[in-house]
Amino acid sequence: MSRIGKRPVSVPAGVTASLEGKTLSVKGPKGTLTMSLADEVTYAVEEGHISVQPVNDSKRSRSFWGMQRTMVQNLIVGVTEGYTKTLQITGVGYRANVQGQNLKLQLGYSHDVDFAIPEGITIATPDQTTVHISGIDKQKVGQVAAEIRRWRKPEPYKGKGIKYAGEYIFRKEGKKK
């Protein structure tokens, strides 16, 4: 059986969790997040922790168990600390800057790419080749980072493009004479 699912999710001081019907709401210093609950798992909000248990011993219930527990943990971490992804831009003339509610990217195309910053997401550009994406919803932060990266993925010969910080780009050797 799952080991991660057996551990209850601890709720730190300053965070409140409430279970109403098929919705779990978590409120903390950074904001409020809600999650729809799965039928295959039971939830219990107690003093200082939230426990997640499978409804029965079926394969479907057990497969939902660990994932649902992790999603509850992500809600708690999101409202207390938040999530951040960092993108690095590599290439001559490639740069990014925030202008109001838009991220302006210059990626070697004949036009600039204007990316509208979604609600609940904060984007900062400390320099022209670094983009910090932050927010309280882990899924939304990752989705925004993936959409920005999709405009110019890193290529294997020179490594030009947008990559995640710490990502390794497998480099290929160029053509030989």
C-alpha atoms as a PDB file:
ATOM      1  CA  MET A   1       0.000   0.000   0.000  1.00  0.00           C
ATOM      2  CA  SER A   2       0.932   3.636  -0.344  1.00  0.00           C
ATOM      3  CA  ARG A   3       3.215   5.055   2.310  1.00  0.00           C
ATOM      4  CA  ILE A   4       2.727   8.731   1.415  1.00  0.00           C
ATOM      5  CA  GLY A   5      -1.064   8.418   1.666  1.00  0.00           C
ATOM      6  CA  LYS A   6      -0.903   7.137   5.235  1.00  0.00           C
ATOM      7  CA  ARG A   7       0.674  10.337   6.545  1.00  0.00           C
ATOM      8  CA  PRO A   8      -1.824  13.074   7.438  1.00  0.00           C
ATOM      9  CA  VAL A   9      -1.230  16.536   5.980  1.00  0.00           C
ATOM     10  CA  SER A  10      -0.309  18.926   8.774  1.00  0.00           C
ATOM     11  CA  VAL A  11      -2.073  22.288   8.829  1.00  0.00           C
ATOM     12  CA  PRO A  12       0.286  25.004  10.172  1.00  0.00           C
ATOM     13  CA  ALA A  13      -0.774  27.841  12.461  1.00  0.00           C
ATOM     14  CA  GLY A  14      -2.495  30.655  10.586  1.00  0.00           C
ATOM     15  CA  VAL A  15      -4.076  28.289   8.048  1.00  0.00           C
ATOM     16  CA  THR A  16      -7.703  27.179   8.220  1.00  0.00           C
ATOM     17  CA  ALA A  17      -9.171  24.242   6.329  1.00  0.00           C
ATOM     18  CA  SER A  18     -12.885  23.576   5.911  1.00  0.00           C
ATOM     19  CA  LEU A  19     -14.741  20.707   4.280  1.00  0.00           C
ATOM     20  CA  GLU A  20     -18.088  21.653   2.727  1.00  0.00           C
ATOM     21  CA  GLY A  21     -19.827  18.996   0.672  1.00  0.00           C
ATOM     22  CA  LYS A  22     -17.505  18.050  -2.202  1.00  0.00           C
ATOM     23  CA  THR A  23     -15.157  21.021  -1.743  1.00  0.00           C
ATOM     24  CA  LEU A  24     -12.103  21.505   0.447  1.00  0.00           C
ATOM     25  CA  SER A  25     -11.209  25.158   1.117  1.00  0.00           C
ATOM     26  CA  VAL A  26      -7.857  26.199   2.551  1.00  0.00           C
ATOM     27  CA  LYS A  27      -7.261  29.788   3.661  1.00  0.00           C
ATOM     28  CA  GLY A  28      -3.824  31.094   4.585  1.00  0.00           C
ATOM     29  CA  PRO A  29      -1.685  34.228   4.616  1.00  0.00           C
ATOM     30  CA  LYS A  30      -1.178  34.245   0.822  1.00  0.00           C
ATOM     31  CA  GLY A  31      -4.814  33.607  -0.161  1.00  0.00           C
ATOM     32  CA  THR A  32      -7.531  30.987  -0.495  1.00  0.00           C
ATOM     33  CA  LEU A  33      -7.538  27.835  -2.605  1.00  0.00           C
ATOM     34  CA  THR A  34     -10.321  25.315  -3.170  1.00  0.00           C
ATOM     35  CA  MET A  35     -10.294  21.772  -4.503  1.00  0.00           C
ATOM     36  CA  SER A  36     -13.074  19.469  -5.675  1.00  0.00           C
ATOM     37  CA  LEU A  37     -12.976  16.169  -3.842  1.00  0.00           C
ATOM     38  CA  ALA A  38     -12.851  12.727  -5.429  1.00  0.00           C
ATOM     39  CA  ASP A  39     -15.516  10.121  -4.584  1.00  0.00           C
ATOM     40  CA  GLU A  40     -12.940   7.342  -4.222  1.00  0.00           C
ATOM     41  CA  VAL A  41     -11.331   8.908  -1.142  1.00  0.00           C
ATOM     42  CA  THR A  42     -12.640  10.132   2.235  1.00  0.00           C
ATOM     43  CA  TYR A  43     -11.303  13.279   3.853  1.00  0.00           C
ATOM     44  CA  ALA A  44     -11.266  14.297   7.506  1.00  0.00           C
ATOM     45  CA  VAL A  45     -10.342  17.763   8.754  1.00  0.00           C
ATOM     46  CA  GLU A  46      -9.174  17.527  12.365  1.00  0.00           C
ATOM     47  CA  GLU A  47      -7.240  19.805  14.697  1.00  0.00           C
ATOM     48  CA  GLY A  48      -3.865  20.470  13.110  1.00  0.00           C
ATOM     49  CA  HIS A  49      -4.119  18.014  10.204  1.00  0.00           C
ATOM     50  CA  ILE A  50      -6.133  16.660   7.276  1.00  0.00           C
ATOM     51  CA  SER A  51      -6.276  12.904   6.732  1.00  0.00           C
ATOM     52  CA  VAL A  52      -7.041  11.198   3.435  1.00  0.00           C
ATOM     53  CA  GLN A  53      -8.194   7.544   3.285  1.00  0.00           C
ATOM     54  CA  PRO A  54      -9.438   5.309   0.441  1.00  0.00           C
ATOM     55  CA  VAL A  55     -13.157   4.444   0.485  1.00  0.00           C
ATOM     56  CA  ASN A  56     -12.503   0.735  -0.099  1.00  0.00           C
ATOM     57  CA  ASP A  57      -9.645  -1.566  -1.077  1.00  0.00           C
ATOM     58  CA  SER A  58     -10.234  -1.402  -4.837  1.00  0.00           C
ATOM     59  CA  LYS A  59      -7.369  -0.583  -7.185  1.00  0.00           C
ATOM     60  CA  ARG A  60      -9.112   2.627  -8.293  1.00  0.00           C
ATOM     61  CA  SER A  61      -9.505   3.925  -4.718  1.00  0.00           C
ATOM     62  CA  ARG A  62      -5.914   3.129  -3.829  1.00  0.00           C
ATOM     63  CA  SER A  63      -4.631   4.850  -6.982  1.00  0.00           C
ATOM     64  CA  PHE A  64      -6.543   8.028  -6.098  1.00  0.00           C
ATOM     65  CA  TRP A  65      -5.364   7.955  -2.498  1.00  0.00           C
ATOM     66  CA  GLY A  66      -1.749   9.167  -2.818  1.00  0.00           C
ATOM     67  CA  MET A  67      -2.527  11.700  -5.537  1.00  0.00           C
ATOM     68  CA  GLN A  68      -5.369  13.283  -3.575  1.00  0.00           C
ATOM     69  CA  ARG A  69      -3.167  13.512  -0.479  1.00  0.00           C
ATOM     70  CA  THR A  70      -0.463  15.229  -2.533  1.00  0.00           C
ATOM     71  CA  MET A  71      -3.001  17.678  -3.974  1.00  0.00           C
ATOM     72  CA  VAL A  72      -4.140  18.589  -0.434  1.00  0.00           C
ATOM     73  CA  GLN A  73      -0.469  19.097   0.532  1.00  0.00           C
ATOM     74  CA  ASN A  74      -0.021  21.388  -2.496  1.00  0.00           C
ATOM     75  CA  LEU A  75      -2.955  23.529  -1.300  1.00  0.00           C
ATOM     76  CA  ILE A  76      -1.369  23.929   2.142  1.00  0.00           C
ATOM     77  CA  VAL A  77       2.076  24.806   0.727  1.00  0.00           C
ATOM     78  CA  GLY A  78       0.507  27.210  -1.790  1.00  0.00           C
ATOM     79  CA  VAL A  79      -1.335  29.321   0.776  1.00  0.00           C
ATOM     80  CA  THR A  80       1.654  29.421   3.151  1.00  0.00           C
ATOM     81  CA  GLU A  81       4.758  29.693   0.925  1.00  0.00           C
ATOM     82  CA  GLY A  82       3.570  29.853  -2.693  1.00  0.00           C
ATOM     83  CA  TYR A  83       5.280  28.388  -5.736  1.00  0.00           C
ATOM     84  CA  THR A  84       7.934  29.830  -8.051  1.00  0.00           C
ATOM     85  CA  LYS A  85       9.362  28.727 -11.387  1.00  0.00           C
ATOM     86  CA  THR A  86      12.351  30.395 -12.995  1.00  0.00           C
ATOM     87  CA  LEU A  87      12.953  30.515 -16.739  1.00  0.00           C
ATOM     88  CA  GLN A  88      16.257  31.427 -18.353  1.00  0.00           C
ATOM     89  CA  ILE A  89      16.481  32.880 -21.850  1.00  0.00           C
ATOM     90  CA  THR A  90      19.587  32.099 -23.899  1.00  0.00           C
ATOM     91  CA  GLY A  91      20.380  33.574 -27.307  1.00  0.00           C
ATOM     92  CA  VAL A  92      21.724  36.712 -28.931  1.00  0.00           C
ATOM     93  CA  GLY A  93      19.009  39.378 -28.874  1.00  0.00           C
ATOM     94  CA  TYR A  94      16.597  37.230 -26.847  1.00  0.00           C
ATOM     95  CA  ARG A  95      15.116  39.134 -23.918  1.00  0.00           C
ATOM     96  CA  ALA A  96      12.026  39.618 -21.796  1.00  0.00           C
ATOM     97  CA  ASN A  97      10.503  42.428 -19.777  1.00  0.00           C
ATOM     98  CA  VAL A  98       7.215  43.055 -17.993  1.00  0.00           C
ATOM     99  CA  GLN A  99       5.101  45.958 -19.221  1.00  0.00           C
ATOM    100  CA  GLY A 100       1.956  46.368 -17.123  1.00  0.00           C
ATOM    101  CA  GLN A 101      -0.069  43.135 -17.345  1.00  0.00           C
ATOM    102  CA  ASN A 102       1.937  41.801 -20.318  1.00  0.00           C
ATOM    103  CA  LEU A 103       5.230  39.988 -20.640  1.00  0.00           C
ATOM    104  CA  LYS A 104       7.017  41.199 -23.771  1.00  0.00           C
ATOM    105  CA  LEU A 105       9.337  38.564 -25.256  1.00  0.00           C
ATOM    106  CA  GLN A 106      11.852  39.181 -28.040  1.00  0.00           C
ATOM    107  CA  LEU A 107      12.788  35.727 -29.290  1.00  0.00           C
ATOM    108  CA  GLY A 108      14.213  36.213 -32.761  1.00  0.00           C
ATOM    109  CA  TYR A 109      10.870  36.365 -34.545  1.00  0.00           C
ATOM    110  CA  SER A 110       9.971  39.254 -36.866  1.00  0.00           C
ATOM    111  CA  HIS A 111       7.575  40.449 -34.141  1.00  0.00           C
ATOM    112  CA  ASP A 112       7.583  40.693 -30.353  1.00  0.00           C
ATOM    113  CA  VAL A 113       5.526  38.151 -28.432  1.00  0.00           C
ATOM    114  CA  ASP A 114       3.101  39.694 -25.928  1.00  0.00           C
ATOM    115  CA  PHE A 115       2.040  37.211 -23.247  1.00  0.00           C
ATOM    116  CA  ALA A 116      -0.920  38.320 -21.105  1.00  0.00           C
ATOM    117  CA  ILE A 117      -0.221  37.577 -17.428  1.00  0.00           C
ATOM    118  CA  PRO A 118      -3.162  35.591 -15.978  1.00  0.00           C
ATOM    119  CA  GLU A 119      -4.899  36.579 -12.756  1.00  0.00           C
ATOM    120  CA  GLY A 120      -3.284  35.102  -9.653  1.00  0.00           C
ATOM    121  CA  ILE A 121       0.176  34.932 -11.257  1.00  0.00           C
ATOM    122  CA  THR A 122       3.049  37.351 -10.689  1.00  0.00           C
ATOM    123  CA  ILE A 123       5.867  37.600 -13.215  1.00  0.00           C
ATOM    124  CA  ALA A 124       9.108  39.433 -12.488  1.00  0.00           C
ATOM    125  CA  THR A 125      12.130  40.001 -14.714  1.00  0.00           C
ATOM    126  CA  PRO A 126      15.155  40.893 -12.545  1.00  0.00           C
ATOM    127  CA  ASP A 127      17.256  41.032 -15.713  1.00  0.00           C
ATOM    128  CA  GLN A 128      16.517  40.643 -19.422  1.00  0.00           C
ATOM    129  CA  THR A 129      17.284  36.921 -19.533  1.00  0.00           C
ATOM    130  CA  THR A 130      15.558  35.708 -16.348  1.00  0.00           C
ATOM    131  CA  VAL A 131      11.813  35.349 -15.753  1.00  0.00           C
ATOM    132  CA  HIS A 132      10.402  34.505 -12.290  1.00  0.00           C
ATOM    133  CA  ILE A 133       6.827  33.170 -12.283  1.00  0.00           C
ATOM    134  CA  SER A 134       5.134  32.933  -8.884  1.00  0.00           C
ATOM    135  CA  GLY A 135       1.691  32.258  -7.461  1.00  0.00           C
ATOM    136  CA  ILE A 136      -0.199  30.145  -4.935  1.00  0.00           C
ATOM    137  CA  ASP A 137      -1.598  27.530  -7.348  1.00  0.00           C
ATOM    138  CA  LYS A 138       1.081  25.001  -8.334  1.00  0.00           C
ATOM    139  CA  GLN A 139      -0.764  23.851 -11.456  1.00  0.00           C
ATOM    140  CA  LYS A 140      -1.307  27.389 -12.729  1.00  0.00           C
ATOM    141  CA  VAL A 141       2.338  28.414 -12.148  1.00  0.00           C
ATOM    142  CA  GLY A 142       3.571  25.358 -14.048  1.00  0.00           C
ATOM    143  CA  GLN A 143       1.080  25.903 -16.881  1.00  0.00           C
ATOM    144  CA  VAL A 144       2.127  29.544 -17.359  1.00  0.00           C
ATOM    145  CA  ALA A 145       5.811  28.545 -17.357  1.00  0.00           C
ATOM    146  CA  ALA A 146       5.125  25.856 -19.969  1.00  0.00           C
ATOM    147  CA  GLU A 147       3.170  28.288 -22.185  1.00  0.00           C
ATOM    148  CA  ILE A 148       6.007  30.836 -22.089  1.00  0.00           C
ATOM    149  CA  ARG A 149       8.623  28.145 -22.761  1.00  0.00           C
ATOM    150  CA  ARG A 150       6.599  26.873 -25.730  1.00  0.00           C
ATOM    151  CA  TRP A 151       7.343  30.076 -27.694  1.00  0.00           C
ATOM    152  CA  ARG A 152      10.996  29.051 -28.149  1.00  0.00           C
ATOM    153  CA  LYS A 153      12.095  25.704 -26.742  1.00  0.00           C
ATOM    154  CA  PRO A 154      15.853  25.244 -26.307  1.00  0.00           C
ATOM    155  CA  GLU A 155      17.515  23.699 -29.327  1.00  0.00           C
ATOM    156  CA  PRO A 156      20.242  21.054 -28.944  1.00  0.00           C
ATOM    157  CA  TYR A 157      23.022  22.607 -31.062  1.00  0.00           C
ATOM    158  CA  LYS A 158      23.625  26.030 -29.505  1.00  0.00           C
ATOM    159  CA  GLY A 159      21.182  25.821 -26.589  1.00  0.00           C
ATOM    160  CA  LYS A 160      19.275  28.934 -27.709  1.00  0.00           C
ATOM    161  CA  GLY A 161      15.748  29.324 -26.367  1.00  0.00           C
ATOM    162  CA  ILE A 162      13.817  29.375 -23.096  1.00  0.00           C
ATOM    163  CA  LYS A 163      14.646  26.745 -20.479  1.00  0.00           C
ATOM    164  CA  TYR A 164      13.761  26.080 -16.862  1.00  0.00           C
ATOM    165  CA  ALA A 165      16.438  27.031 -14.330  1.00  0.00           C
ATOM    166  CA  GLY A 166      18.527  23.942 -13.634  1.00  0.00           C
ATOM    167  CA  GLU A 167      17.284  22.099 -16.728  1.00  0.00           C
ATOM    168  CA  TYR A 168      19.933  20.162 -18.612  1.00  0.00           C
ATOM    169  CA  ILE A 169      19.848  20.554 -22.391  1.00  0.00           C
ATOM    170  CA  PHE A 170      21.378  17.579 -24.194  1.00  0.00           C
ATOM    171  CA  ARG A 171      23.816  19.091 -26.667  1.00  0.00           C
ATOM    172  CA  LYS A 172      24.539  17.608 -30.078  1.00  0.00           C
ATOM    173  CA  GLU A 173      27.710  17.938 -32.038  1.00  0.00           C
ATOM    174  CA  GLY A 174      27.468  20.003 -35.199  1.00  0.00           C
ATOM    175  CA  LYS A 175      28.160  18.931 -38.760  1.00  0.00           C
ATOM    176  CA  LYS A 176      31.749  17.945 -39.549  1.00  0.00           C
ATOM    177  CA  LYS A 177      33.666  18.623 -42.754  1.00  0.00           C
END
